Amino acid sequence: MSTPMKASVSADLAADLLDTVLTSLDDSKAEDLVTLDIAGKSSLADHMVIVSGRSHRHVGAIADHLLRDLKSAGARAATVEGQTTCDWVLIDAGDVIIHIFRPEVRSFYNLEKMWAPDTDDAPQFIG
């Protein structure tokens, strides 16, 4: 009986975390936001969020702002990669993984196509 309750609490926490992430990205004027539900595709996380920043400086500012907001919300310590160059910053916040790209780098890697559902209407970034 405790297993279903635990799963429900975990899903609520993931939804709260996703809301915090999306609000922070919106406040930072992140562009071309795509949210992918990867719960069935990977055990890494429940959601993947992919956004663009207009420049190196904007990508870095989005990442800094998001990390502060996550900490203020009481989320566990997030793992960050790529903040020195700010071409592609990866933030692993547990149940939500956030990719912040410069547009050229985002179109090169095209993570939306790789992780999206196997349908013709899957999002694809053509920046």
N, C-alpha and C. Protein backbone atom coordinates (compact mmCIF):
# COMPACT_ATOMS: atom_id res chain seq x y z
N MET A 1 0.81 -1.19 0.00
CA MET A 1 0.00 0.00 0.00
C MET A 1 0.85 1.25 0.00
N SER A 2 2.05 1.19 0.54
CA SER A 2 2.90 2.38 0.59
C SER A 2 3.52 2.71 -0.76
N THR A 3 3.66 1.74 -1.64
CA THR A 3 4.25 2.00 -2.94
C THR A 3 3.41 2.94 -3.80
N PRO A 4 2.10 2.74 -3.96
CA PRO A 4 1.31 3.69 -4.76
C PRO A 4 1.33 5.10 -4.16
N MET A 5 1.29 5.20 -2.83
CA MET A 5 1.33 6.51 -2.18
C MET A 5 2.65 7.20 -2.49
N LYS A 6 3.75 6.45 -2.43
CA LYS A 6 5.07 7.01 -2.70
C LYS A 6 5.16 7.50 -4.14
N ALA A 7 4.61 6.75 -5.08
CA ALA A 7 4.63 7.13 -6.50
C ALA A 7 3.83 8.41 -6.71
N SER A 8 2.70 8.55 -6.02
CA SER A 8 1.87 9.73 -6.14
C SER A 8 2.60 10.96 -5.59
N VAL A 9 3.25 10.83 -4.46
CA VAL A 9 4.00 11.93 -3.87
C VAL A 9 5.15 12.32 -4.80
N SER A 10 5.83 11.33 -5.36
CA SER A 10 6.93 11.60 -6.28
C SER A 10 6.45 12.35 -7.52
N ALA A 11 5.30 11.97 -8.05
CA ALA A 11 4.75 12.64 -9.23
C ALA A 11 4.37 14.08 -8.90
N ASP A 12 3.82 14.31 -7.70
CA ASP A 12 3.49 15.68 -7.28
C ASP A 12 4.74 16.54 -7.15
N LEU A 13 5.79 15.96 -6.58
CA LEU A 13 7.05 16.71 -6.43
C LEU A 13 7.65 17.03 -7.79
N ALA A 14 7.58 16.08 -8.72
CA ALA A 14 8.10 16.32 -10.07
C ALA A 14 7.31 17.43 -10.75
N ALA A 15 6.00 17.44 -10.58
CA ALA A 15 5.15 18.49 -11.17
C ALA A 15 5.47 19.86 -10.57
N ASP A 16 5.68 19.91 -9.25
CA ASP A 16 6.05 21.17 -8.60
C ASP A 16 7.40 21.66 -9.10
N LEU A 17 8.34 20.73 -9.24
CA LEU A 17 9.66 21.09 -9.74
C LEU A 17 9.58 21.61 -11.17
N LEU A 18 8.79 20.96 -12.00
CA LEU A 18 8.61 21.40 -13.39
C LEU A 18 7.99 22.80 -13.42
N ASP A 19 7.01 23.06 -12.57
CA ASP A 19 6.40 24.39 -12.51
C ASP A 19 7.43 25.45 -12.13
N THR A 20 8.29 25.15 -11.16
CA THR A 20 9.34 26.08 -10.76
C THR A 20 10.28 26.36 -11.92
N VAL A 21 10.67 25.31 -12.63
CA VAL A 21 11.58 25.46 -13.77
C VAL A 21 10.95 26.32 -14.87
N LEU A 22 9.71 26.01 -15.23
CA LEU A 22 9.04 26.75 -16.31
C LEU A 22 8.83 28.22 -15.95
N THR A 23 8.48 28.50 -14.70
CA THR A 23 8.30 29.89 -14.26
C THR A 23 9.63 30.64 -14.32
N SER A 24 10.69 30.02 -13.86
CA SER A 24 12.01 30.66 -13.89
C SER A 24 12.46 30.94 -15.31
N LEU A 25 12.27 29.99 -16.22
CA LEU A 25 12.67 30.16 -17.61
C LEU A 25 11.87 31.27 -18.27
N ASP A 26 10.59 31.35 -17.95
CA ASP A 26 9.75 32.42 -18.48
C ASP A 26 10.21 33.78 -17.96
N ASP A 27 10.53 33.85 -16.68
CA ASP A 27 11.02 35.10 -16.08
C ASP A 27 12.33 35.55 -16.71
N SER A 28 13.15 34.60 -17.14
CA SER A 28 14.46 34.90 -17.74
C SER A 28 14.38 35.16 -19.24
N LYS A 29 13.18 35.14 -19.79
CA LYS A 29 12.96 35.37 -21.23
C LYS A 29 13.65 34.32 -22.09
N ALA A 30 13.66 33.06 -21.60
CA ALA A 30 14.18 31.97 -22.41
C ALA A 30 13.27 31.80 -23.63
N GLU A 31 13.86 31.41 -24.75
CA GLU A 31 13.11 31.35 -26.01
C GLU A 31 12.91 29.91 -26.47
N ASP A 32 11.87 29.70 -27.27
CA ASP A 32 11.59 28.42 -27.92
C ASP A 32 11.55 27.26 -26.93
N LEU A 33 10.77 27.40 -25.89
CA LEU A 33 10.68 26.40 -24.84
C LEU A 33 9.92 25.16 -25.32
N VAL A 34 10.53 24.00 -25.08
CA VAL A 34 9.90 22.71 -25.38
C VAL A 34 10.02 21.85 -24.13
N THR A 35 8.89 21.26 -23.72
CA THR A 35 8.87 20.35 -22.58
C THR A 35 8.51 18.97 -23.09
N LEU A 36 9.35 17.99 -22.76
CA LEU A 36 9.11 16.61 -23.19
C LEU A 36 8.90 15.72 -21.98
N ASP A 37 7.87 14.90 -22.01
CA ASP A 37 7.62 13.91 -20.97
C ASP A 37 8.41 12.67 -21.35
N ILE A 38 9.47 12.38 -20.59
CA ILE A 38 10.33 11.25 -20.91
C ILE A 38 10.23 10.13 -19.88
N ALA A 39 9.18 10.17 -19.07
CA ALA A 39 9.02 9.19 -17.99
C ALA A 39 9.03 7.76 -18.53
N GLY A 40 8.44 7.51 -19.65
CA GLY A 40 8.40 6.17 -20.20
C GLY A 40 9.62 5.80 -21.04
N LYS A 41 10.41 6.80 -21.41
CA LYS A 41 11.56 6.57 -22.28
C LYS A 41 12.86 6.40 -21.53
N SER A 42 12.95 6.97 -20.33
CA SER A 42 14.22 6.97 -19.60
C SER A 42 13.98 6.94 -18.11
N SER A 43 14.88 6.31 -17.41
CA SER A 43 14.81 6.32 -15.94
C SER A 43 15.59 7.51 -15.38
N LEU A 44 16.18 8.32 -16.25
CA LEU A 44 16.97 9.48 -15.80
C LEU A 44 16.10 10.55 -15.15
N ALA A 45 14.94 10.81 -15.72
CA ALA A 45 14.08 11.89 -15.24
C ALA A 45 12.68 11.67 -15.79
N ASP A 46 11.74 12.49 -15.30
CA ASP A 46 10.36 12.43 -15.80
C ASP A 46 10.13 13.44 -16.92
N HIS A 47 10.86 14.56 -16.87
CA HIS A 47 10.66 15.63 -17.85
C HIS A 47 12.00 16.15 -18.34
N MET A 48 12.00 16.58 -19.61
CA MET A 48 13.15 17.26 -20.18
C MET A 48 12.64 18.58 -20.73
N VAL A 49 13.35 19.65 -20.39
CA VAL A 49 13.00 20.98 -20.87
C VAL A 49 14.16 21.49 -21.71
N ILE A 50 13.85 21.99 -22.90
CA ILE A 50 14.87 22.49 -23.82
C ILE A 50 14.49 23.92 -24.18
N VAL A 51 15.44 24.84 -24.00
CA VAL A 51 15.21 26.25 -24.31
C VAL A 51 16.45 26.83 -24.98
N SER A 52 16.26 28.02 -25.56
CA SER A 52 17.37 28.75 -26.17
C SER A 52 17.55 30.08 -25.48
N GLY A 53 18.80 30.54 -25.50
CA GLY A 53 19.14 31.89 -25.09
C GLY A 53 19.72 32.60 -26.30
N ARG A 54 19.62 33.91 -26.32
CA ARG A 54 20.04 34.66 -27.51
C ARG A 54 21.56 34.74 -27.69
N SER A 55 22.31 34.60 -26.61
CA SER A 55 23.77 34.75 -26.68
C SER A 55 24.40 33.95 -25.54
N HIS A 56 25.73 33.92 -25.52
CA HIS A 56 26.44 33.26 -24.41
C HIS A 56 26.00 33.87 -23.08
N ARG A 57 25.95 35.17 -23.04
CA ARG A 57 25.59 35.88 -21.81
C ARG A 57 24.16 35.55 -21.38
N HIS A 58 23.24 35.49 -22.34
CA HIS A 58 21.85 35.18 -22.01
C HIS A 58 21.72 33.75 -21.51
N VAL A 59 22.41 32.81 -22.14
CA VAL A 59 22.39 31.41 -21.70
C VAL A 59 22.90 31.31 -20.26
N GLY A 60 23.99 31.98 -19.96
CA GLY A 60 24.54 31.97 -18.61
C GLY A 60 23.60 32.60 -17.59
N ALA A 61 22.95 33.69 -17.97
CA ALA A 61 22.02 34.36 -17.07
C ALA A 61 20.79 33.49 -16.80
N ILE A 62 20.29 32.82 -17.83
CA ILE A 62 19.15 31.91 -17.65
C ILE A 62 19.53 30.81 -16.66
N ALA A 63 20.71 30.22 -16.83
CA ALA A 63 21.17 29.14 -15.95
C ALA A 63 21.33 29.64 -14.51
N ASP A 64 21.96 30.79 -14.33
CA ASP A 64 22.13 31.34 -12.98
C ASP A 64 20.80 31.59 -12.30
N HIS A 65 19.88 32.20 -13.02
CA HIS A 65 18.57 32.51 -12.47
C HIS A 65 17.82 31.22 -12.09
N LEU A 66 17.88 30.22 -12.96
CA LEU A 66 17.22 28.95 -12.70
C LEU A 66 17.81 28.27 -11.46
N LEU A 67 19.11 28.26 -11.34
CA LEU A 67 19.75 27.63 -10.18
C LEU A 67 19.34 28.32 -8.88
N ARG A 68 19.27 29.65 -8.90
CA ARG A 68 18.81 30.39 -7.71
C ARG A 68 17.36 30.05 -7.37
N ASP A 69 16.51 29.97 -8.39
CA ASP A 69 15.10 29.66 -8.16
C ASP A 69 14.91 28.23 -7.64
N LEU A 70 15.69 27.31 -8.16
CA LEU A 70 15.61 25.93 -7.68
C LEU A 70 16.02 25.85 -6.21
N LYS A 71 17.08 26.56 -5.86
CA LYS A 71 17.54 26.57 -4.48
C LYS A 71 16.49 27.21 -3.57
N SER A 72 15.89 28.31 -4.01
CA SER A 72 14.85 28.98 -3.22
C SER A 72 13.62 28.10 -3.02
N ALA A 73 13.33 27.27 -4.01
CA ALA A 73 12.17 26.38 -3.93
C ALA A 73 12.44 25.15 -3.08
N GLY A 74 13.68 24.98 -2.64
CA GLY A 74 14.02 23.84 -1.79
C GLY A 74 14.35 22.58 -2.56
N ALA A 75 14.58 22.70 -3.85
CA ALA A 75 14.96 21.52 -4.65
C ALA A 75 16.35 21.06 -4.23
N ARG A 76 16.59 19.78 -4.42
CA ARG A 76 17.92 19.26 -4.07
C ARG A 76 18.97 19.91 -4.96
N ALA A 77 20.20 19.83 -4.54
CA ALA A 77 21.28 20.45 -5.30
C ALA A 77 21.32 19.92 -6.73
N ALA A 78 21.29 20.83 -7.68
CA ALA A 78 21.30 20.46 -9.09
C ALA A 78 22.73 20.32 -9.58
N THR A 79 22.92 19.42 -10.53
CA THR A 79 24.21 19.24 -11.17
C THR A 79 24.23 20.09 -12.43
N VAL A 80 25.34 20.81 -12.64
CA VAL A 80 25.43 21.74 -13.77
C VAL A 80 26.66 21.42 -14.60
N GLU A 81 26.49 21.41 -15.92
CA GLU A 81 27.59 21.22 -16.86
C GLU A 81 27.53 22.31 -17.92
N GLY A 82 28.68 22.78 -18.36
CA GLY A 82 28.76 23.69 -19.50
C GLY A 82 28.65 25.17 -19.17
N GLN A 83 28.67 25.53 -17.89
CA GLN A 83 28.48 26.92 -17.54
C GLN A 83 29.71 27.78 -17.82
N THR A 84 30.84 27.17 -18.09
CA THR A 84 32.03 27.97 -18.39
C THR A 84 31.99 28.56 -19.79
N THR A 85 31.42 27.83 -20.76
CA THR A 85 31.38 28.34 -22.13
C THR A 85 30.00 28.89 -22.51
N CYS A 86 28.96 28.39 -21.88
CA CYS A 86 27.57 28.84 -22.11
C CYS A 86 27.10 28.67 -23.56
N ASP A 87 27.61 27.67 -24.26
CA ASP A 87 27.04 27.27 -25.55
C ASP A 87 25.83 26.37 -25.29
N TRP A 88 26.02 25.43 -24.34
CA TRP A 88 25.00 24.48 -23.96
C TRP A 88 25.18 24.22 -22.47
N VAL A 89 24.22 24.64 -21.68
CA VAL A 89 24.26 24.40 -20.24
C VAL A 89 23.23 23.33 -19.93
N LEU A 90 23.68 22.29 -19.24
CA LEU A 90 22.82 21.20 -18.82
C LEU A 90 22.65 21.29 -17.31
N ILE A 91 21.39 21.31 -16.86
CA ILE A 91 21.10 21.34 -15.43
C ILE A 91 20.25 20.11 -15.12
N ASP A 92 20.79 19.24 -14.27
CA ASP A 92 20.07 18.04 -13.85
C ASP A 92 19.50 18.33 -12.47
N ALA A 93 18.19 18.54 -12.41
CA ALA A 93 17.52 18.86 -11.15
C ALA A 93 16.78 17.64 -10.60
N GLY A 94 17.19 16.46 -10.99
CA GLY A 94 16.54 15.24 -10.50
C GLY A 94 15.48 14.77 -11.46
N ASP A 95 14.22 15.10 -11.16
CA ASP A 95 13.11 14.66 -12.01
C ASP A 95 12.95 15.50 -13.27
N VAL A 96 13.68 16.60 -13.36
CA VAL A 96 13.63 17.47 -14.54
C VAL A 96 15.05 17.76 -14.99
N ILE A 97 15.30 17.53 -16.28
CA ILE A 97 16.60 17.86 -16.88
C ILE A 97 16.38 19.04 -17.81
N ILE A 98 17.21 20.07 -17.66
CA ILE A 98 17.04 21.29 -18.45
C ILE A 98 18.26 21.49 -19.33
N HIS A 99 18.01 21.72 -20.63
CA HIS A 99 19.06 22.04 -21.59
C HIS A 99 18.85 23.49 -22.03
N ILE A 100 19.89 24.31 -21.88
CA ILE A 100 19.82 25.71 -22.30
C ILE A 100 20.89 25.88 -23.38
N PHE A 101 20.45 26.23 -24.59
CA PHE A 101 21.33 26.29 -25.75
C PHE A 101 21.40 27.69 -26.35
N ARG A 102 22.49 27.95 -27.05
CA ARG A 102 22.48 29.00 -28.05
C ARG A 102 21.80 28.39 -29.27
N PRO A 103 21.07 29.18 -30.08
CA PRO A 103 20.29 28.61 -31.18
C PRO A 103 21.08 27.73 -32.15
N GLU A 104 22.30 28.13 -32.50
CA GLU A 104 23.08 27.34 -33.47
C GLU A 104 23.43 25.97 -32.91
N VAL A 105 23.77 25.93 -31.64
CA VAL A 105 24.14 24.67 -30.99
C VAL A 105 22.91 23.78 -30.84
N ARG A 106 21.78 24.40 -30.52
CA ARG A 106 20.54 23.64 -30.37
C ARG A 106 20.13 22.99 -31.68
N SER A 107 20.21 23.72 -32.78
CA SER A 107 19.81 23.14 -34.06
C SER A 107 20.77 22.03 -34.49
N PHE A 108 22.05 22.13 -34.11
CA PHE A 108 23.02 21.10 -34.46
C PHE A 108 22.69 19.78 -33.76
N TYR A 109 22.42 19.83 -32.45
CA TYR A 109 22.16 18.61 -31.69
C TYR A 109 20.71 18.13 -31.81
N ASN A 110 19.77 19.02 -31.99
CA ASN A 110 18.36 18.71 -32.23
C ASN A 110 17.82 17.64 -31.27
N LEU A 111 17.94 17.90 -29.98
CA LEU A 111 17.48 16.94 -28.97
C LEU A 111 15.98 16.67 -29.04
N GLU A 112 15.22 17.66 -29.50
CA GLU A 112 13.77 17.45 -29.61
C GLU A 112 13.45 16.25 -30.48
N LYS A 113 14.14 16.11 -31.57
CA LYS A 113 13.89 15.00 -32.49
C LYS A 113 14.30 13.67 -31.85
N MET A 114 15.38 13.68 -31.11
CA MET A 114 15.90 12.46 -30.49
C MET A 114 14.98 11.94 -29.38
N TRP A 115 14.42 12.85 -28.57
CA TRP A 115 13.66 12.46 -27.40
C TRP A 115 12.15 12.52 -27.57
N ALA A 116 11.67 13.12 -28.63
CA ALA A 116 10.23 13.30 -28.81
C ALA A 116 9.54 11.98 -29.09
N PRO A 117 8.23 11.95 -28.91
CA PRO A 117 7.48 10.73 -29.26
C PRO A 117 7.67 10.39 -30.74
N ASP A 118 7.50 9.15 -31.06
CA ASP A 118 7.70 8.69 -32.44
C ASP A 118 6.48 8.99 -33.30
N THR A 119 6.20 10.27 -33.49
CA THR A 119 5.07 10.68 -34.32
C THR A 119 5.53 11.73 -35.31
N ASP A 120 4.72 11.95 -36.32
CA ASP A 120 5.07 12.95 -37.33
C ASP A 120 4.97 14.37 -36.80
N ASP A 121 4.17 14.58 -35.74
CA ASP A 121 4.01 15.92 -35.20
C ASP A 121 4.98 16.22 -34.06
N ALA A 122 6.05 15.44 -33.93
CA ALA A 122 7.05 15.67 -32.90
C ALA A 122 7.72 17.01 -33.11
N PRO A 123 8.01 17.74 -32.02
CA PRO A 123 8.66 19.03 -32.16
C PRO A 123 10.07 18.88 -32.73
N GLN A 124 10.44 19.79 -33.56
CA GLN A 124 11.78 19.81 -34.11
C GLN A 124 12.23 21.23 -34.18
N PHE A 125 13.40 21.53 -33.64
CA PHE A 125 13.89 22.89 -33.64
C PHE A 125 14.65 23.14 -34.94
N ILE A 126 14.23 24.15 -35.66
CA ILE A 126 14.90 24.55 -36.90
C ILE A 126 15.27 26.02 -36.74
N GLY A 127 16.33 26.26 -35.97
CA GLY A 127 16.70 27.64 -35.62
C GLY A 127 17.63 28.21 -36.52
